[in-house]
Amino acid sequence: MNALTPVFFAAAIVFVLNTAGSFIEFNNRFVNALVDTVLFALVFGALVLAGKLNLAFLI
């Protein structure tokens, strides 16, 4: 179960960012998906670099 913790945490991040992103509506679905992806990469990457998430199970 410990190895799945970052996955569940990432899912929670995606949910929050998609919810926040739904308030910033673009007319293009591709742009919406791109914005959500960039936001997730930034937040998840920042948490990994800050040491809040450990991805050692991927190695």
PDB file of N, CA and C in Angstrom:
ATOM      1  N   MET A   1       0.824  -1.202   0.000  1.00  0.00           N
ATOM      2  CA  MET A   1       0.000   0.000   0.000  1.00  0.00           C
ATOM      3  C   MET A   1       0.864   1.261   0.000  1.00  0.00           C
ATOM      4  N   ASN A   2       2.039   1.157   0.616  1.00  0.00           N
ATOM      5  CA  ASN A   2       2.912   2.321   0.714  1.00  0.00           C
ATOM      6  C   ASN A   2       3.369   2.803  -0.657  1.00  0.00           C
ATOM      7  N   ALA A   3       3.518   1.886  -1.616  1.00  0.00           N
ATOM      8  CA  ALA A   3       3.963   2.266  -2.954  1.00  0.00           C
ATOM      9  C   ALA A   3       2.878   3.023  -3.716  1.00  0.00           C
ATOM     10  N   LEU A   4       1.636   2.836  -3.343  1.00  0.00           N
ATOM     11  CA  LEU A   4       0.528   3.493  -4.038  1.00  0.00           C
ATOM     12  C   LEU A   4       0.196   4.873  -3.465  1.00  0.00           C
ATOM     13  N   THR A   5       0.802   5.229  -2.371  1.00  0.00           N
ATOM     14  CA  THR A   5       0.513   6.521  -1.746  1.00  0.00           C
ATOM     15  C   THR A   5       0.756   7.690  -2.698  1.00  0.00           C
ATOM     16  N   PRO A   6       1.897   7.749  -3.427  1.00  0.00           N
ATOM     17  CA  PRO A   6       2.077   8.861  -4.365  1.00  0.00           C
ATOM     18  C   PRO A   6       1.039   8.876  -5.477  1.00  0.00           C
ATOM     19  N   VAL A   7       0.562   7.705  -5.871  1.00  0.00           N
ATOM     20  CA  VAL A   7      -0.461   7.637  -6.922  1.00  0.00           C
ATOM     21  C   VAL A   7      -1.770   8.231  -6.421  1.00  0.00           C
ATOM     22  N   PHE A   8      -2.159   7.878  -5.212  1.00  0.00           N
ATOM     23  CA  PHE A   8      -3.382   8.438  -4.643  1.00  0.00           C
ATOM     24  C   PHE A   8      -3.244   9.940  -4.410  1.00  0.00           C
ATOM     25  N   PHE A   9      -2.066  10.350  -3.972  1.00  0.00           N
ATOM     26  CA  PHE A   9      -1.816  11.777  -3.760  1.00  0.00           C
ATOM     27  C   PHE A   9      -1.880  12.528  -5.083  1.00  0.00           C
ATOM     28  N   ALA A  10      -1.317  11.926  -6.121  1.00  0.00           N
ATOM     29  CA  ALA A  10      -1.361  12.542  -7.451  1.00  0.00           C
ATOM     30  C   ALA A  10      -2.798  12.636  -7.950  1.00  0.00           C
ATOM     31  N   ALA A  11      -3.596  11.611  -7.686  1.00  0.00           N
ATOM     32  CA  ALA A  11      -5.000  11.636  -8.091  1.00  0.00           C
ATOM     33  C   ALA A  11      -5.748  12.765  -7.387  1.00  0.00           C
ATOM     34  N   ALA A  12      -5.435  12.984  -6.130  1.00  0.00           N
ATOM     35  CA  ALA A  12      -6.070  14.084  -5.394  1.00  0.00           C
ATOM     36  C   ALA A  12      -5.646  15.431  -5.973  1.00  0.00           C
ATOM     37  N   ILE A  13      -4.367  15.543  -6.345  1.00  0.00           N
ATOM     38  CA  ILE A  13      -3.881  16.780  -6.958  1.00  0.00           C
ATOM     39  C   ILE A  13      -4.602  17.029  -8.273  1.00  0.00           C
ATOM     40  N   VAL A  14      -4.740  15.985  -9.088  1.00  0.00           N
ATOM     41  CA  VAL A  14      -5.421  16.111 -10.377  1.00  0.00           C
ATOM     42  C   VAL A  14      -6.866  16.541 -10.171  1.00  0.00           C
ATOM     43  N   PHE A  15      -7.538  15.960  -9.190  1.00  0.00           N
ATOM     44  CA  PHE A  15      -8.921  16.323  -8.920  1.00  0.00           C
ATOM     45  C   PHE A  15      -9.046  17.799  -8.554  1.00  0.00           C
ATOM     46  N   VAL A  16      -8.189  18.254  -7.651  1.00  0.00           N
ATOM     47  CA  VAL A  16      -8.246  19.653  -7.216  1.00  0.00           C
ATOM     48  C   VAL A  16      -7.925  20.599  -8.374  1.00  0.00           C
ATOM     49  N   LEU A  17      -6.887  20.264  -9.160  1.00  0.00           N
ATOM     50  CA  LEU A  17      -6.514  21.136 -10.272  1.00  0.00           C
ATOM     51  C   LEU A  17      -7.575  21.142 -11.366  1.00  0.00           C
ATOM     52  N   ASN A  18      -8.197  19.997 -11.629  1.00  0.00           N
ATOM     53  CA  ASN A  18      -9.273  19.972 -12.624  1.00  0.00           C
ATOM     54  C   ASN A  18     -10.490  20.746 -12.151  1.00  0.00           C
ATOM     55  N   THR A  19     -10.765  20.663 -10.864  1.00  0.00           N
ATOM     56  CA  THR A  19     -11.876  21.433 -10.310  1.00  0.00           C
ATOM     57  C   THR A  19     -11.595  22.921 -10.422  1.00  0.00           C
ATOM     58  N   ALA A  20     -10.370  23.318 -10.074  1.00  0.00           N
ATOM     59  CA  ALA A  20     -10.000  24.728 -10.193  1.00  0.00           C
ATOM     60  C   ALA A  20      -9.966  25.144 -11.657  1.00  0.00           C
ATOM     61  N   GLY A  21      -9.483  24.256 -12.520  1.00  0.00           N
ATOM     62  CA  GLY A  21      -9.413  24.571 -13.940  1.00  0.00           C
ATOM     63  C   GLY A  21     -10.765  24.695 -14.600  1.00  0.00           C
ATOM     64  N   SER A  22     -11.765  24.055 -14.021  1.00  0.00           N
ATOM     65  CA  SER A  22     -13.100  24.149 -14.609  1.00  0.00           C
ATOM     66  C   SER A  22     -13.684  25.557 -14.466  1.00  0.00           C
ATOM     67  N   PHE A  23     -13.156  26.316 -13.504  1.00  0.00           N
ATOM     68  CA  PHE A  23     -13.605  27.694 -13.357  1.00  0.00           C
ATOM     69  C   PHE A  23     -12.955  28.611 -14.389  1.00  0.00           C
ATOM     70  N   ILE A  24     -11.795  28.174 -14.914  1.00  0.00           N
ATOM     71  CA  ILE A  24     -11.116  28.914 -15.982  1.00  0.00           C
ATOM     72  C   ILE A  24     -11.504  28.218 -17.277  1.00  0.00           C
ATOM     73  N   GLU A  25     -12.579  28.619 -17.867  1.00  0.00           N
ATOM     74  CA  GLU A  25     -13.090  27.917 -19.037  1.00  0.00           C
ATOM     75  C   GLU A  25     -12.520  28.491 -20.316  1.00  0.00           C
ATOM     76  N   PHE A  26     -12.018  27.576 -21.125  1.00  0.00           N
ATOM     77  CA  PHE A  26     -11.598  27.912 -22.475  1.00  0.00           C
ATOM     78  C   PHE A  26     -12.585  27.249 -23.426  1.00  0.00           C
ATOM     79  N   ASN A  27     -12.696  27.768 -24.615  1.00  0.00           N
ATOM     80  CA  ASN A  27     -13.630  27.193 -25.577  1.00  0.00           C
ATOM     81  C   ASN A  27     -13.087  25.938 -26.234  1.00  0.00           C
ATOM     82  N   ASN A  28     -11.817  25.660 -26.055  1.00  0.00           N
ATOM     83  CA  ASN A  28     -11.178  24.534 -26.711  1.00  0.00           C
ATOM     84  C   ASN A  28     -10.848  23.461 -25.674  1.00  0.00           C
ATOM     85  N   ARG A  29     -11.309  22.241 -25.893  1.00  0.00           N
ATOM     86  CA  ARG A  29     -11.039  21.157 -24.953  1.00  0.00           C
ATOM     87  C   ARG A  29      -9.562  20.812 -24.898  1.00  0.00           C
ATOM     88  N   PHE A  30      -8.877  20.928 -26.036  1.00  0.00           N
ATOM     89  CA  PHE A  30      -7.447  20.646 -26.055  1.00  0.00           C
ATOM     90  C   PHE A  30      -6.688  21.620 -25.163  1.00  0.00           C
ATOM     91  N   VAL A  31      -7.064  22.887 -25.208  1.00  0.00           N
ATOM     92  CA  VAL A  31      -6.408  23.897 -24.365  1.00  0.00           C
ATOM     93  C   VAL A  31      -6.704  23.611 -22.898  1.00  0.00           C
ATOM     94  N   ASN A  32      -7.922  23.203 -22.580  1.00  0.00           N
ATOM     95  CA  ASN A  32      -8.259  22.836 -21.202  1.00  0.00           C
ATOM     96  C   ASN A  32      -7.383  21.691 -20.721  1.00  0.00           C
ATOM     97  N   ALA A  33      -7.248  20.660 -21.540  1.00  0.00           N
ATOM     98  CA  ALA A  33      -6.429  19.506 -21.169  1.00  0.00           C
ATOM     99  C   ALA A  33      -4.966  19.904 -21.025  1.00  0.00           C
ATOM    100  N   LEU A  34      -4.498  20.764 -21.901  1.00  0.00           N
ATOM    101  CA  LEU A  34      -3.117  21.216 -21.841  1.00  0.00           C
ATOM    102  C   LEU A  34      -2.853  22.024 -20.568  1.00  0.00           C
ATOM    103  N   VAL A  35      -3.759  22.899 -20.220  1.00  0.00           N
ATOM    104  CA  VAL A  35      -3.609  23.699 -18.998  1.00  0.00           C
ATOM    105  C   VAL A  35      -3.622  22.793 -17.774  1.00  0.00           C
ATOM    106  N   ASP A  36      -4.528  21.829 -17.724  1.00  0.00           N
ATOM    107  CA  ASP A  36      -4.580  20.896 -16.600  1.00  0.00           C
ATOM    108  C   ASP A  36      -3.289  20.093 -16.492  1.00  0.00           C
ATOM    109  N   THR A  37      -2.747  19.671 -17.627  1.00  0.00           N
ATOM    110  CA  THR A  37      -1.509  18.896 -17.629  1.00  0.00           C
ATOM    111  C   THR A  37      -0.336  19.727 -17.127  1.00  0.00           C
ATOM    112  N   VAL A  38      -0.246  20.950 -17.591  1.00  0.00           N
ATOM    113  CA  VAL A  38       0.851  21.821 -17.156  1.00  0.00           C
ATOM    114  C   VAL A  38       0.732  22.127 -15.669  1.00  0.00           C
ATOM    115  N   LEU A  39      -0.469  22.410 -15.196  1.00  0.00           N
ATOM    116  CA  LEU A  39      -0.662  22.673 -13.769  1.00  0.00           C
ATOM    117  C   LEU A  39      -0.285  21.464 -12.931  1.00  0.00           C
ATOM    118  N   PHE A  40      -0.693  20.269 -13.371  1.00  0.00           N
ATOM    119  CA  PHE A  40      -0.351  19.062 -12.629  1.00  0.00           C
ATOM    120  C   PHE A  40       1.159  18.850 -12.609  1.00  0.00           C
ATOM    121  N   ALA A  41       1.807  19.004 -13.746  1.00  0.00           N
ATOM    122  CA  ALA A  41       3.255  18.798 -13.807  1.00  0.00           C
ATOM    123  C   ALA A  41       3.985  19.765 -12.875  1.00  0.00           C
ATOM    124  N   LEU A  42       3.541  21.004 -12.843  1.00  0.00           N
ATOM    125  CA  LEU A  42       4.171  21.995 -11.971  1.00  0.00           C
ATOM    126  C   LEU A  42       3.979  21.667 -10.492  1.00  0.00           C
ATOM    127  N   VAL A  43       2.755  21.362 -10.109  1.00  0.00           N
ATOM    128  CA  VAL A  43       2.469  21.091  -8.697  1.00  0.00           C
ATOM    129  C   VAL A  43       3.109  19.783  -8.258  1.00  0.00           C
ATOM    130  N   PHE A  44       2.958  18.731  -9.056  1.00  0.00           N
ATOM    131  CA  PHE A  44       3.513  17.435  -8.684  1.00  0.00           C
ATOM    132  C   PHE A  44       5.042  17.496  -8.666  1.00  0.00           C
ATOM    133  N   GLY A  45       5.631  18.156  -9.668  1.00  0.00           N
ATOM    134  CA  GLY A  45       7.084  18.301  -9.698  1.00  0.00           C
ATOM    135  C   GLY A  45       7.601  19.097  -8.515  1.00  0.00           C
ATOM    136  N   ALA A  46       6.888  20.150  -8.157  1.00  0.00           N
ATOM    137  CA  ALA A  46       7.297  20.948  -7.002  1.00  0.00           C
ATOM    138  C   ALA A  46       7.229  20.134  -5.715  1.00  0.00           C
ATOM    139  N   LEU A  47       6.207  19.308  -5.568  1.00  0.00           N
ATOM    140  CA  LEU A  47       6.098  18.473  -4.368  1.00  0.00           C
ATOM    141  C   LEU A  47       7.195  17.420  -4.316  1.00  0.00           C
ATOM    142  N   VAL A  48       7.569  16.871  -5.470  1.00  0.00           N
ATOM    143  CA  VAL A  48       8.656  15.890  -5.501  1.00  0.00           C
ATOM    144  C   VAL A  48       9.980  16.573  -5.160  1.00  0.00           C
ATOM    145  N   LEU A  49      10.229  17.732  -5.760  1.00  0.00           N
ATOM    146  CA  LEU A  49      11.477  18.448  -5.487  1.00  0.00           C
ATOM    147  C   LEU A  49      11.555  18.944  -4.045  1.00  0.00           C
ATOM    148  N   ALA A  50      10.418  19.269  -3.463  1.00  0.00           N
ATOM    149  CA  ALA A  50      10.391  19.739  -2.076  1.00  0.00           C
ATOM    150  C   ALA A  50      10.534  18.589  -1.087  1.00  0.00           C
ATOM    151  N   GLY A  51      10.477  17.358  -1.585  1.00  0.00           N
ATOM    152  CA  GLY A  51      10.630  16.209  -0.709  1.00  0.00           C
ATOM    153  C   GLY A  51       9.343  15.755  -0.053  1.00  0.00           C
ATOM    154  N   LYS A  52       8.215  16.309  -0.470  1.00  0.00           N
ATOM    155  CA  LYS A  52       6.930  15.923   0.100  1.00  0.00           C
ATOM    156  C   LYS A  52       6.455  14.575  -0.430  1.00  0.00           C
ATOM    157  N   LEU A  53       6.905  14.221  -1.649  1.00  0.00           N
ATOM    158  CA  LEU A  53       6.569  12.935  -2.242  1.00  0.00           C
ATOM    159  C   LEU A  53       7.854  12.180  -2.546  1.00  0.00           C
ATOM    160  N   ASN A  54       7.816  10.879  -2.327  1.00  0.00           N
ATOM    161  CA  ASN A  54       8.961  10.038  -2.595  1.00  0.00           C
ATOM    162  C   ASN A  54       8.597   9.080  -3.720  1.00  0.00           C
ATOM    163  N   LEU A  55       9.308   9.169  -4.821  1.00  0.00           N
ATOM    164  CA  LEU A  55       9.042   8.310  -5.971  1.00  0.00           C
ATOM    165  C   LEU A  55      10.106   7.230  -6.125  1.00  0.00           C
ATOM    166  N   ALA A  56      10.717   6.840  -5.039  1.00  0.00           N
ATOM    167  CA  ALA A  56      11.788   5.839  -5.095  1.00  0.00           C
ATOM    168  C   ALA A  56      11.293   4.480  -5.564  1.00  0.00           C
ATOM    169  N   PHE A  57      10.004   4.194  -5.428  1.00  0.00           N
ATOM    170  CA  PHE A  57       9.492   2.895  -5.854  1.00  0.00           C
ATOM    171  C   PHE A  57       9.510   2.747  -7.370  1.00  0.00           C
ATOM    172  N   LEU A  58       9.676   3.835  -8.102  1.00  0.00           N
ATOM    173  CA  LEU A  58       9.723   3.776  -9.560  1.00  0.00           C
ATOM    174  C   LEU A  58      11.090   3.340 -10.068  1.00  0.00           C
ATOM    175  N   ILE A  59      12.107   3.433  -9.251  1.00  0.00           N
ATOM    176  CA  ILE A  59      13.465   3.111  -9.691  1.00  0.00           C
ATOM    177  C   ILE A  59      13.710   1.615  -9.607  1.00  0.00           C
TER     178      ILE A  59
END
